[in-house]
């Protein structure tokens, strides 16, 4: 488990919880099964944001060719690897060394070169990333404002920051904790509903560090279709932000 080193965004208990899931992170039926279901939808949102922000490569397989990406809270690389396949030079950070070990092993087997580090984002010397992503992470950190400030500091002047996180609503409590952590495949103890941020709260944190939200989408679940992008942000949502001006 990564020890705190003067920065307070990493919650050691959260790091340990997710580190314990490292062994079967890539098993679609394992403890990260819900993330496997979420990942295609998140990638569709990210691809749309990339095509909108850097037009001209909408039909390209590698629209991030020549660009750098940082995936914060990468786990074992479920999102990090697709970013590399989209052409980016990718760095992946996670608080749990167990996850980084699993990520390195899987990337090697896939023939992918990714710079994985068990390093807090606050301690990363590199900056100026064209794309910074952090999916389902901010609800697990000890200091969301400091975490957002650290993320913003890594985004290049013309770059994008894309976040996803659960909303703090009565419906999200039922969907993600009451149901999700009992019969929905989410490991018990994964979420603390009181740490969820509303879109307005997260937008305010981004505004405080000089970023503006340029797009947002809800993430909803339909028993027949599974997860889908939606106007309804009651359970989960995604935001895209950039530097103001």
Foldseek 3Di string as FASTA:
>chain_A
DADDDPDAFADVVLLVVLLVQQVCCVPCQAQVVVVVLCLVQVVVVVLVVLCVLPPDCNPPQQSQAPFAEEEEQQQLNSPPVSNVRSHHQYEYEHLHVSRLVNNVVVCVVVVHDHHYDNDHLQPDPAAQGQEYEYEQPLLNTPDNLVNLLSSQRRHHQSHKYKYKHWALDPVQCCVCAVCCCPPVSHPHPNGDSVSGHHPVRVQVSNVVNQKHWDDKWAWDQDPVPGIHTHNDNNTMMMTMIHGDD
